[in-house]
Amino acid sequence: MAAAGNSMPKVKSPSIGMIDSNATTDDFRFECMDWKDEGPRHVRNITLDANEPLTYVISQIKGNVAQIIYTGNEATTVQKLEVCPEEDNNVCKIEIRIRDLFNAEAIEYLSILFL
């Protein structure tokens, strides 16, 4: 009997798009483009990897609490943020989890500063 481990999804960091924005009234575009997973295969294949399902979970972190603002299979989403906490110096902390079919995940963090 042979067993193979499952790798977490890979590629590059997520991005966020905004210009002169206000957390509670403006839309923020989160993009997690070009993430791929090898699925239940032992080798990576760029063509096949692109078709493996991934789930994206985006949370806004306030203190020790993570509030989910998006969960789904779309690599791009537009969301509003809540007011960034003063105790965090008006920095909105965003956690992005990219999960594959077997729940292996990559975790990325973004910080957004509002002046």
C-alpha atoms as a PDB file:
ATOM      1  CA  MET A   1       0.000   0.000   0.000  1.00  0.00           C
ATOM      2  CA  ALA A   2       1.283   3.473  -0.830  1.00  0.00           C
ATOM      3  CA  ALA A   3       0.106   6.793   0.534  1.00  0.00           C
ATOM      4  CA  ALA A   4       0.649  10.243  -0.906  1.00  0.00           C
ATOM      5  CA  GLY A   5       0.399  13.509   0.944  1.00  0.00           C
ATOM      6  CA  ASN A   6      -1.715  16.381  -0.265  1.00  0.00           C
ATOM      7  CA  SER A   7       0.000  19.722  -0.848  1.00  0.00           C
ATOM      8  CA  MET A   8      -1.676  23.021  -0.085  1.00  0.00           C
ATOM      9  CA  PRO A   9      -2.761  25.241  -3.001  1.00  0.00           C
ATOM     10  CA  LYS A  10       0.106  27.293  -4.426  1.00  0.00           C
ATOM     11  CA  VAL A  11       1.062  30.282  -6.503  1.00  0.00           C
ATOM     12  CA  LYS A  12       1.110  33.930  -5.481  1.00  0.00           C
ATOM     13  CA  SER A  13      -0.246  36.385  -2.942  1.00  0.00           C
ATOM     14  CA  PRO A  14      -3.791  37.741  -3.119  1.00  0.00           C
ATOM     15  CA  SER A  15      -4.350  41.401  -3.882  1.00  0.00           C
ATOM     16  CA  ILE A  16      -6.868  44.041  -2.961  1.00  0.00           C
ATOM     17  CA  GLY A  17      -7.959  46.950  -5.114  1.00  0.00           C
ATOM     18  CA  MET A  18      -8.963  50.335  -3.730  1.00  0.00           C
ATOM     19  CA  ILE A  19      -8.288  54.027  -4.225  1.00  0.00           C
ATOM     20  CA  ASP A  20      -9.143  56.680  -1.601  1.00  0.00           C
ATOM     21  CA  SER A  21     -11.660  54.343   0.006  1.00  0.00           C
ATOM     22  CA  ASN A  22     -13.807  54.385   3.115  1.00  0.00           C
ATOM     23  CA  ALA A  23     -14.195  51.005   4.857  1.00  0.00           C
ATOM     24  CA  THR A  24     -17.936  51.129   5.524  1.00  0.00           C
ATOM     25  CA  THR A  25     -19.187  52.696   2.287  1.00  0.00           C
ATOM     26  CA  ASP A  26     -16.821  51.705  -0.516  1.00  0.00           C
ATOM     27  CA  ASP A  27     -16.401  48.389  -2.292  1.00  0.00           C
ATOM     28  CA  PHE A  28     -13.109  46.507  -2.091  1.00  0.00           C
ATOM     29  CA  ARG A  29     -12.109  44.042  -4.773  1.00  0.00           C
ATOM     30  CA  PHE A  30     -10.265  40.974  -3.473  1.00  0.00           C
ATOM     31  CA  GLU A  31      -8.447  38.867  -6.080  1.00  0.00           C
ATOM     32  CA  CYS A  32      -6.852  35.458  -5.601  1.00  0.00           C
ATOM     33  CA  MET A  33      -5.889  34.802  -9.199  1.00  0.00           C
ATOM     34  CA  ASP A  34      -3.762  31.936 -10.547  1.00  0.00           C
ATOM     35  CA  TRP A  35      -3.982  29.689  -7.483  1.00  0.00           C
ATOM     36  CA  LYS A  36      -3.723  26.025  -8.432  1.00  0.00           C
ATOM     37  CA  ASP A  37      -3.862  22.629  -6.751  1.00  0.00           C
ATOM     38  CA  GLU A  38      -2.627  19.241  -7.953  1.00  0.00           C
ATOM     39  CA  GLY A  39      -5.771  17.435  -6.797  1.00  0.00           C
ATOM     40  CA  PRO A  40      -5.586  13.676  -6.175  1.00  0.00           C
ATOM     41  CA  ARG A  41      -2.557  13.191  -8.482  1.00  0.00           C
ATOM     42  CA  HIS A  42       1.070  12.519  -7.541  1.00  0.00           C
ATOM     43  CA  VAL A  43       2.478  15.034 -10.033  1.00  0.00           C
ATOM     44  CA  ARG A  44       1.632  18.610 -10.913  1.00  0.00           C
ATOM     45  CA  ASN A  45       0.112  19.320 -14.322  1.00  0.00           C
ATOM     46  CA  ILE A  46      -0.511  22.992 -15.152  1.00  0.00           C
ATOM     47  CA  THR A  47      -3.507  22.247 -17.383  1.00  0.00           C
ATOM     48  CA  LEU A  48      -5.223  19.814 -15.017  1.00  0.00           C
ATOM     49  CA  ASP A  49      -4.321  21.770 -11.852  1.00  0.00           C
ATOM     50  CA  ALA A  50      -6.213  24.826 -13.095  1.00  0.00           C
ATOM     51  CA  ASN A  51      -9.462  22.806 -13.069  1.00  0.00           C
ATOM     52  CA  GLU A  52      -9.232  21.599  -9.457  1.00  0.00           C
ATOM     53  CA  PRO A  53     -11.863  23.241  -7.206  1.00  0.00           C
ATOM     54  CA  LEU A  54     -10.644  25.747  -4.613  1.00  0.00           C
ATOM     55  CA  THR A  55     -12.596  27.518  -1.897  1.00  0.00           C
ATOM     56  CA  TYR A  56     -11.755  31.073  -0.833  1.00  0.00           C
ATOM     57  CA  VAL A  57     -12.566  32.299   2.688  1.00  0.00           C
ATOM     58  CA  ILE A  58     -11.925  35.996   3.367  1.00  0.00           C
ATOM     59  CA  SER A  59     -12.185  37.288   6.932  1.00  0.00           C
ATOM     60  CA  GLN A  60     -11.734  40.670   8.548  1.00  0.00           C
ATOM     61  CA  ILE A  61      -9.852  40.268  11.835  1.00  0.00           C
ATOM     62  CA  LYS A  62     -10.692  42.483  14.801  1.00  0.00           C
ATOM     63  CA  GLY A  63      -8.612  41.700  17.863  1.00  0.00           C
ATOM     64  CA  ASN A  64      -8.923  37.940  18.352  1.00  0.00           C
ATOM     65  CA  VAL A  65     -12.104  37.587  16.297  1.00  0.00           C
ATOM     66  CA  ALA A  66     -12.193  36.707  12.594  1.00  0.00           C
ATOM     67  CA  GLN A  67     -15.460  37.690  10.891  1.00  0.00           C
ATOM     68  CA  ILE A  68     -16.024  35.971   7.542  1.00  0.00           C
ATOM     69  CA  ILE A  69     -16.917  38.482   4.827  1.00  0.00           C
ATOM     70  CA  TYR A  70     -16.799  36.036   1.893  1.00  0.00           C
ATOM     71  CA  THR A  71     -16.710  32.299   1.329  1.00  0.00           C
ATOM     72  CA  GLY A  72     -17.074  30.696  -2.089  1.00  0.00           C
ATOM     73  CA  ASN A  73     -15.415  29.330  -5.208  1.00  0.00           C
ATOM     74  CA  GLU A  74     -14.973  32.600  -7.088  1.00  0.00           C
ATOM     75  CA  ALA A  75     -11.366  33.864  -7.124  1.00  0.00           C
ATOM     76  CA  THR A  76     -12.562  37.489  -7.220  1.00  0.00           C
ATOM     77  CA  THR A  77     -15.133  39.141  -4.977  1.00  0.00           C
ATOM     78  CA  VAL A  78     -16.244  42.677  -4.149  1.00  0.00           C
ATOM     79  CA  GLN A  79     -17.028  43.335  -0.480  1.00  0.00           C
ATOM     80  CA  LYS A  80     -17.392  46.167   2.028  1.00  0.00           C
ATOM     81  CA  LEU A  81     -15.315  46.249   5.222  1.00  0.00           C
ATOM     82  CA  GLU A  82     -16.357  47.245   8.708  1.00  0.00           C
ATOM     83  CA  VAL A  83     -14.710  50.191  10.436  1.00  0.00           C
ATOM     84  CA  CYS A  84     -11.108  49.347  11.305  1.00  0.00           C
ATOM     85  CA  PRO A  85     -10.535  49.306  15.063  1.00  0.00           C
ATOM     86  CA  GLU A  86      -8.798  52.288  16.657  1.00  0.00           C
ATOM     87  CA  GLU A  87      -6.967  49.920  19.010  1.00  0.00           C
ATOM     88  CA  ASP A  88      -5.323  48.431  15.890  1.00  0.00           C
ATOM     89  CA  ASN A  89      -4.279  51.950  14.754  1.00  0.00           C
ATOM     90  CA  ASN A  90      -7.042  51.993  12.112  1.00  0.00           C
ATOM     91  CA  VAL A  91      -5.470  49.051  10.293  1.00  0.00           C
ATOM     92  CA  CYS A  92      -7.895  46.518   8.836  1.00  0.00           C
ATOM     93  CA  LYS A  93      -6.428  43.032   9.002  1.00  0.00           C
ATOM     94  CA  ILE A  94      -7.632  40.628   6.335  1.00  0.00           C
ATOM     95  CA  GLU A  95      -7.077  36.870   6.365  1.00  0.00           C
ATOM     96  CA  ILE A  96      -7.502  34.911   3.143  1.00  0.00           C
ATOM     97  CA  ARG A  97      -7.677  31.111   3.257  1.00  0.00           C
ATOM     98  CA  ILE A  98      -7.446  29.170  -0.005  1.00  0.00           C
ATOM     99  CA  ARG A  99      -8.591  25.562   0.497  1.00  0.00           C
ATOM    100  CA  ASP A 100      -8.508  22.568  -1.785  1.00  0.00           C
ATOM    101  CA  LEU A 101     -10.810  19.560  -2.038  1.00  0.00           C
ATOM    102  CA  PHE A 102      -9.035  17.845   0.889  1.00  0.00           C
ATOM    103  CA  ASN A 103      -9.082  20.974   3.123  1.00  0.00           C
ATOM    104  CA  ALA A 104      -5.358  21.608   2.784  1.00  0.00           C
ATOM    105  CA  GLU A 105      -5.053  25.373   2.878  1.00  0.00           C
ATOM    106  CA  ALA A 106      -2.755  28.276   2.254  1.00  0.00           C
ATOM    107  CA  ILE A 107      -3.242  31.334   4.467  1.00  0.00           C
ATOM    108  CA  GLU A 108      -2.344  34.866   3.388  1.00  0.00           C
ATOM    109  CA  TYR A 109      -2.680  38.100   5.342  1.00  0.00           C
ATOM    110  CA  LEU A 110      -3.238  41.648   4.127  1.00  0.00           C
ATOM    111  CA  SER A 111      -3.229  44.882   6.143  1.00  0.00           C
ATOM    112  CA  ILE A 112      -5.152  47.946   5.004  1.00  0.00           C
ATOM    113  CA  LEU A 113      -4.374  51.293   6.614  1.00  0.00           C
ATOM    114  CA  PHE A 114      -7.014  54.005   6.668  1.00  0.00           C
ATOM    115  CA  LEU A 115      -5.823  57.524   7.367  1.00  0.00           C
END
